[in-house]
Amino acid sequence: MKNCILLVFGLLALATAAKLNYTGHKVIRVIPETKEQLEFLRDWKSSSEIDFWLLPSSAGRFADIRVSPESYAHVAAKLADMKMSHIVHIADVGELERQEQHNMAQRNDALQSLTVMAYLAELANTNPLVSTKVGGTSEEGRDIVQAIISSDLSANKPVHFFDCNIHAREWITAATCVWIIDQITTGYGSDPEITSLVDQYDWKFVPIANPDGYAYTWNTDRNWRKNRLVNNGSTCVGVDANRNFPIGFAGSGSSSDPCSGIIYGAMLLLAVVFIITRTVVGGPMGTSSEYYTTPASYCTTTCTAPSC
């Protein structure tokens, strides 16, 4: 448990100060009250003009939008044209990032050498419940590693699957995956509920589903969301792997614009994550909206993929 706690903090300490400077960038909050206003925001999100941190699924729920100092007046005017007011939710994104780095540095001096992969390898070597496999290789050659927790792999049990950090900037999701892994592995045999769950199901985790994007947030851009896949015919890099699954492909909430943060990419270039996840049950974790999503989460009604 102690090593896991250190690793959770160590994951965050690995990130160095971002080279891109977001000083003066704001996050504004706006609430669409009508269907027309909601559709306006959805259409806007599909462009690469601004960075939506959160888009509501229905009218009456708030949207969070990051805007640069140069674009703030333009964005406010467009919202006003649609009769939408806003409040400043985060006054200075750059200052928030500096506070984040300072807080992490204070917590983690000697822990930066700890990595997720080292933690998983140690578990696989010391805990008979745990094994690892490389599910694929990223665009830049990094392994996408899956941890498997099972009391009997030969039993062909149902699977609970979790992928984390599919969006590069959402660091806490990787730490969440690691925390769940620790809770299961330390609780098995002593906690009746955990023991029962492990005996009934196999548990599979990809703590860092987007290793290239994650590395890019350490070194270059703290707010980078996508992977680092090259888009043919464009200087804009990256695909939103969470928009790159075949079910519901290119639907609402995604974009064909290679410069957009929600570009779905080409079907022939399906994200490696899909190859890993397509035969199991589960879904990704996201921090912008603070949720865990299920495989049919693109639906607005209760359904089981691929029925809707």
Protein backbone atom coordinates (compact mmCIF):
# COMPACT_ATOMS: atom_id res chain seq x y z
CA MET A 1 0.00 0.00 0.00
CA LYS A 2 2.82 2.41 0.87
CA ASN A 3 4.47 1.89 -2.53
CA CYS A 4 1.16 2.55 -4.25
CA ILE A 5 0.67 5.83 -2.39
CA LEU A 6 4.17 6.90 -3.33
CA LEU A 7 3.52 5.95 -6.93
CA VAL A 8 0.25 7.88 -7.12
CA PHE A 9 2.14 11.01 -6.15
CA GLY A 10 5.15 9.98 -8.20
CA LEU A 11 3.02 9.78 -11.33
CA LEU A 12 2.27 13.45 -10.98
CA ALA A 13 5.80 14.39 -9.99
CA LEU A 14 7.11 12.99 -13.27
CA ALA A 15 5.59 15.94 -15.08
CA THR A 16 7.98 18.82 -15.48
CA ALA A 17 6.93 22.40 -16.02
CA ALA A 18 5.13 22.68 -19.34
CA LYS A 19 6.97 24.61 -22.03
CA LEU A 20 3.81 26.13 -23.43
CA ASN A 21 2.81 29.10 -21.31
CA TYR A 22 -0.87 29.39 -20.43
CA THR A 23 -0.51 32.55 -18.37
CA GLY A 24 -3.61 34.68 -18.85
CA HIS A 25 -5.71 31.86 -20.27
CA LYS A 26 -9.09 31.59 -18.57
CA VAL A 27 -11.68 28.88 -18.17
CA ILE A 28 -15.14 30.34 -18.52
CA ARG A 29 -18.36 28.63 -17.53
CA VAL A 30 -21.59 28.98 -19.50
CA ILE A 31 -24.95 27.24 -19.16
CA PRO A 32 -26.98 26.55 -22.31
CA GLU A 33 -30.64 26.94 -21.42
CA THR A 34 -32.16 25.93 -24.76
CA LYS A 35 -31.66 23.18 -27.30
CA GLU A 36 -30.46 25.76 -29.83
CA GLN A 37 -27.79 27.04 -27.44
CA LEU A 38 -26.65 23.49 -26.70
CA GLU A 39 -26.38 22.67 -30.41
CA PHE A 40 -24.43 25.88 -30.95
CA LEU A 41 -21.88 24.80 -28.33
CA ARG A 42 -21.67 21.29 -29.78
CA ASP A 43 -21.00 22.65 -33.26
CA TRP A 44 -18.42 25.02 -31.85
CA LYS A 45 -16.67 22.22 -30.01
CA SER A 46 -16.20 20.35 -33.29
CA SER A 47 -14.00 23.19 -34.53
CA SER A 48 -10.43 23.80 -33.40
CA GLU A 49 -11.12 27.41 -32.43
CA ILE A 50 -11.36 26.94 -28.67
CA ASP A 51 -10.74 24.23 -26.12
CA PHE A 52 -13.81 22.81 -24.39
CA TRP A 53 -12.93 21.23 -21.09
CA LEU A 54 -16.49 20.12 -20.55
CA LEU A 55 -19.57 20.06 -22.76
CA PRO A 56 -22.92 19.22 -21.13
CA SER A 57 -25.07 16.39 -22.42
CA SER A 58 -28.26 18.42 -22.02
CA ALA A 59 -29.53 21.97 -21.61
CA GLY A 60 -29.32 23.36 -18.09
CA ARG A 61 -25.86 21.92 -17.43
CA PHE A 62 -22.71 23.97 -17.60
CA ALA A 63 -19.93 23.97 -20.16
CA ASP A 64 -16.31 24.89 -19.36
CA ILE A 65 -14.22 26.52 -22.10
CA ARG A 66 -10.54 27.48 -22.02
CA VAL A 67 -9.89 30.73 -23.87
CA SER A 68 -6.68 32.60 -24.57
CA PRO A 69 -6.27 36.28 -23.74
CA GLU A 70 -6.44 37.04 -27.47
CA SER A 71 -9.68 35.13 -28.05
CA TYR A 72 -11.57 36.03 -24.89
CA ALA A 73 -13.40 39.08 -26.27
CA HIS A 74 -14.35 37.20 -29.45
CA VAL A 75 -15.65 34.19 -27.52
CA ALA A 76 -17.63 36.37 -25.10
CA ALA A 77 -19.20 38.22 -28.04
CA LYS A 78 -20.22 34.97 -29.76
CA LEU A 79 -21.81 33.74 -26.55
CA ALA A 80 -23.62 37.05 -26.12
CA ASP A 81 -24.96 36.78 -29.66
CA MET A 82 -26.56 33.49 -28.57
CA LYS A 83 -27.90 35.21 -25.44
CA MET A 84 -25.58 33.22 -23.18
CA SER A 85 -23.77 34.88 -20.30
CA HIS A 86 -20.69 33.42 -18.66
CA ILE A 87 -18.62 33.54 -15.50
CA VAL A 88 -14.86 33.19 -15.14
CA HIS A 89 -14.36 29.80 -13.52
CA ILE A 90 -10.52 29.79 -13.56
CA ALA A 91 -8.92 33.22 -13.84
CA ASP A 92 -5.43 32.09 -14.89
CA VAL A 93 -4.71 28.58 -16.15
CA GLY A 94 -0.96 29.26 -16.19
CA GLU A 95 -0.94 30.17 -12.52
CA LEU A 96 -2.99 27.07 -11.72
CA GLU A 97 -0.41 24.92 -13.48
CA ARG A 98 2.44 26.57 -11.56
CA GLN A 99 0.63 25.88 -8.28
CA GLU A 100 0.13 22.26 -9.35
CA GLN A 101 3.83 21.84 -10.11
CA HIS A 102 4.84 23.47 -6.81
CA ASN A 103 2.50 21.27 -4.78
CA MET A 104 3.72 18.10 -6.51
CA ALA A 105 7.36 19.01 -6.05
CA GLN A 106 6.84 19.53 -2.32
CA ARG A 107 5.30 16.06 -1.97
CA ASN A 108 7.78 14.16 -4.13
CA ASP A 109 11.52 14.67 -3.91
CA ALA A 110 12.99 11.19 -4.27
CA LEU A 111 10.00 9.58 -5.96
CA GLN A 112 10.45 10.66 -9.55
CA SER A 113 12.25 7.45 -10.51
CA LEU A 114 9.13 5.45 -9.79
CA THR A 115 7.07 4.73 -12.89
CA VAL A 116 3.84 2.96 -13.57
CA MET A 117 5.57 0.29 -15.61
CA ALA A 118 8.06 -0.43 -12.83
CA TYR A 119 5.21 -0.70 -10.35
CA LEU A 120 3.30 -3.14 -12.56
CA ALA A 121 6.43 -5.20 -13.20
CA GLU A 122 7.09 -5.42 -9.47
CA LEU A 123 3.53 -6.54 -8.82
CA ALA A 124 3.73 -9.19 -11.54
CA ASN A 125 6.96 -10.52 -9.99
CA THR A 126 5.73 -10.55 -6.39
CA ASN A 127 1.98 -11.14 -6.49
CA PRO A 128 0.61 -14.39 -8.00
CA LEU A 129 -2.67 -12.66 -8.87
CA VAL A 130 -0.98 -10.23 -11.25
CA SER A 131 0.40 -10.59 -14.75
CA THR A 132 1.16 -8.04 -17.45
CA LYS A 133 1.08 -8.01 -21.23
CA VAL A 134 1.90 -5.49 -23.92
CA GLY A 135 -1.32 -4.81 -25.75
CA GLY A 136 0.25 -2.72 -28.48
CA THR A 137 2.82 -0.08 -29.34
CA SER A 138 2.15 3.62 -29.65
CA GLU A 139 2.94 5.83 -32.64
CA GLU A 140 6.23 6.84 -30.99
CA GLY A 141 7.17 3.30 -30.00
CA ARG A 142 6.03 3.18 -26.39
CA ASP A 143 4.49 0.00 -24.98
CA ILE A 144 0.82 0.11 -23.99
CA VAL A 145 0.86 -2.19 -20.98
CA GLN A 146 -2.09 -4.01 -19.52
CA ALA A 147 -2.21 -5.38 -15.97
CA ILE A 148 -4.32 -8.47 -15.40
CA ILE A 149 -5.56 -9.51 -11.97
CA SER A 150 -7.00 -13.02 -11.80
CA SER A 151 -7.28 -15.80 -9.27
CA ASP A 152 -7.60 -18.31 -12.12
CA LEU A 153 -6.90 -17.25 -15.71
CA SER A 154 -7.92 -20.65 -17.04
CA ALA A 155 -11.48 -20.23 -15.73
CA ASN A 156 -12.45 -17.84 -18.57
CA LYS A 157 -14.34 -15.56 -16.20
CA PRO A 158 -16.16 -12.36 -17.19
CA VAL A 159 -13.87 -9.36 -17.37
CA HIS A 160 -13.97 -5.90 -15.84
CA PHE A 161 -11.77 -3.64 -17.95
CA PHE A 162 -10.54 -0.12 -17.19
CA ASP A 163 -8.46 2.15 -19.38
CA CYS A 164 -7.08 5.32 -17.88
CA ASN A 165 -5.25 8.36 -19.21
CA ILE A 166 -6.73 7.96 -22.70
CA HIS A 167 -6.77 11.77 -22.66
CA ALA A 168 -3.19 12.84 -22.05
CA ARG A 169 -3.81 15.80 -19.75
CA GLU A 170 -5.99 13.84 -17.33
CA TRP A 171 -3.12 12.68 -15.13
CA ILE A 172 -5.21 11.68 -12.14
CA THR A 173 -6.89 8.88 -14.09
CA ALA A 174 -3.61 6.92 -14.28
CA ALA A 175 -3.21 7.36 -10.53
CA THR A 176 -6.81 6.19 -10.08
CA CYS A 177 -6.13 3.00 -12.02
CA VAL A 178 -3.05 2.36 -9.90
CA TRP A 179 -5.04 2.97 -6.72
CA ILE A 180 -7.74 0.47 -7.76
CA ILE A 181 -5.07 -2.10 -8.63
CA ASP A 182 -3.55 -1.63 -5.19
CA GLN A 183 -6.91 -1.94 -3.43
CA ILE A 184 -7.63 -5.22 -5.21
CA THR A 185 -4.21 -6.79 -4.79
CA THR A 186 -3.80 -5.84 -1.13
CA GLY A 187 -7.39 -6.67 -0.23
CA TYR A 188 -7.60 -10.12 -1.79
CA GLY A 189 -7.68 -12.78 0.89
CA SER A 190 -8.42 -10.36 3.72
CA ASP A 191 -11.38 -8.34 2.46
CA PRO A 192 -14.36 -10.64 1.77
CA GLU A 193 -15.94 -8.34 -0.81
CA ILE A 194 -12.73 -7.87 -2.80
CA THR A 195 -11.94 -11.58 -2.59
CA SER A 196 -15.39 -12.44 -3.92
CA LEU A 197 -15.07 -9.97 -6.80
CA VAL A 198 -11.69 -11.34 -7.85
CA ASP A 199 -12.95 -14.91 -7.66
CA GLN A 200 -15.95 -14.00 -9.85
CA TYR A 201 -14.22 -11.78 -12.42
CA ASP A 202 -10.91 -11.10 -14.07
CA TRP A 203 -9.76 -7.48 -13.80
CA LYS A 204 -7.79 -5.77 -16.56
CA PHE A 205 -6.27 -2.30 -16.46
CA VAL A 206 -4.39 -0.09 -18.90
CA PRO A 207 -3.20 2.67 -16.55
CA ILE A 208 -1.64 4.75 -19.34
CA ALA A 209 -3.62 4.17 -22.51
CA ASN A 210 -2.06 7.18 -24.25
CA PRO A 211 1.67 7.07 -23.40
CA ASP A 212 2.78 9.42 -26.19
CA GLY A 213 0.29 12.11 -25.28
CA TYR A 214 1.10 11.68 -21.61
CA ALA A 215 4.81 12.18 -22.29
CA TYR A 216 3.96 15.26 -24.35
CA THR A 217 2.14 16.78 -21.38
CA TRP A 218 5.29 16.34 -19.28
CA ASN A 219 7.62 17.93 -21.78
CA THR A 220 5.72 20.37 -23.96
CA ASP A 221 2.04 21.08 -23.36
CA ARG A 222 0.26 20.42 -20.05
CA ASN A 223 -3.12 20.80 -21.77
CA TRP A 224 -2.51 18.33 -24.61
CA ARG A 225 -5.45 15.94 -24.94
CA LYS A 226 -4.90 13.66 -27.95
CA ASN A 227 -2.34 11.03 -28.84
CA ARG A 228 0.56 11.87 -31.19
CA LEU A 229 -0.64 10.10 -34.32
CA VAL A 230 0.36 11.82 -37.56
CA ASN A 231 -2.64 13.01 -39.58
CA ASN A 232 -1.90 12.65 -43.29
CA GLY A 233 -2.22 15.91 -45.16
CA SER A 234 -2.19 18.07 -42.04
CA THR A 235 0.41 19.69 -39.84
CA CYS A 236 -1.89 19.12 -36.85
CA VAL A 237 -0.97 16.03 -34.86
CA GLY A 238 -3.04 13.62 -32.83
CA VAL A 239 -6.32 11.74 -32.68
CA ASP A 240 -8.72 11.61 -29.76
CA ALA A 241 -8.53 7.86 -29.11
CA ASN A 242 -11.80 8.06 -27.20
CA ARG A 243 -13.49 9.07 -30.48
CA ASN A 244 -11.75 6.35 -32.49
CA PHE A 245 -13.88 3.30 -31.77
CA PRO A 246 -15.97 1.79 -34.60
CA ILE A 247 -19.29 1.86 -32.73
CA GLY A 248 -20.77 5.33 -32.91
CA PHE A 249 -17.81 6.40 -35.03
CA ALA A 250 -17.83 10.02 -36.29
CA GLY A 251 -21.00 10.79 -34.39
CA SER A 252 -22.03 13.69 -32.20
CA GLY A 253 -19.25 15.05 -30.01
CA SER A 254 -16.46 14.31 -32.49
CA SER A 255 -14.83 16.19 -35.34
CA SER A 256 -13.15 15.59 -38.71
CA ASP A 257 -10.89 18.62 -38.17
CA PRO A 258 -7.33 17.36 -37.56
CA CYS A 259 -6.62 20.42 -35.42
CA SER A 260 -9.60 19.73 -33.15
CA GLY A 261 -9.13 18.11 -29.76
CA ILE A 262 -11.93 15.65 -30.55
CA ILE A 263 -10.87 14.49 -34.02
CA TYR A 264 -12.00 10.92 -34.61
CA GLY A 265 -9.26 10.07 -37.13
CA ALA A 266 -9.45 7.57 -39.97
CA MET A 267 -11.22 4.23 -39.55
CA LEU A 268 -8.22 2.53 -41.14
CA LEU A 269 -6.03 4.04 -38.43
CA LEU A 270 -8.03 2.87 -35.44
CA ALA A 271 -6.37 3.66 -32.13
CA VAL A 272 -4.29 0.87 -30.65
CA VAL A 273 -6.42 1.13 -27.53
CA PHE A 274 -9.38 -0.29 -29.45
CA ILE A 275 -7.37 -3.38 -30.36
CA ILE A 276 -6.79 -3.96 -26.66
CA THR A 277 -10.33 -3.25 -25.48
CA ARG A 278 -12.68 -4.54 -28.13
CA THR A 279 -13.22 -8.00 -26.59
CA VAL A 280 -13.74 -6.97 -22.99
CA VAL A 281 -16.27 -5.10 -20.87
CA GLY A 282 -15.50 -1.80 -19.25
CA GLY A 283 -14.62 1.73 -20.20
CA PRO A 284 -12.44 4.76 -19.70
CA MET A 285 -12.15 7.17 -16.82
CA GLY A 286 -12.27 10.90 -17.40
CA THR A 287 -11.43 13.78 -15.10
CA SER A 288 -12.92 16.77 -16.93
CA SER A 289 -16.40 15.58 -15.99
CA GLU A 290 -15.22 13.29 -13.16
CA TYR A 291 -16.80 10.13 -14.44
CA TYR A 292 -16.31 6.52 -15.40
CA THR A 293 -17.89 5.68 -18.74
CA THR A 294 -19.31 2.41 -20.01
CA PRO A 295 -18.89 1.03 -23.55
CA ALA A 296 -22.20 2.47 -24.81
CA SER A 297 -21.63 5.90 -23.30
CA TYR A 298 -22.08 7.65 -26.64
CA CYS A 299 -25.80 6.89 -26.33
CA THR A 300 -28.11 9.33 -24.59
CA THR A 301 -30.47 6.52 -23.59
CA THR A 302 -29.81 3.25 -21.81
CA CYS A 303 -28.56 0.76 -24.37
CA THR A 304 -26.02 -1.93 -25.00
CA ALA A 305 -23.54 -1.48 -27.83
CA PRO A 306 -23.92 -1.91 -30.72
CA SER A 307 -27.72 -1.73 -30.56
CA CYS A 308 -28.11 2.05 -30.58
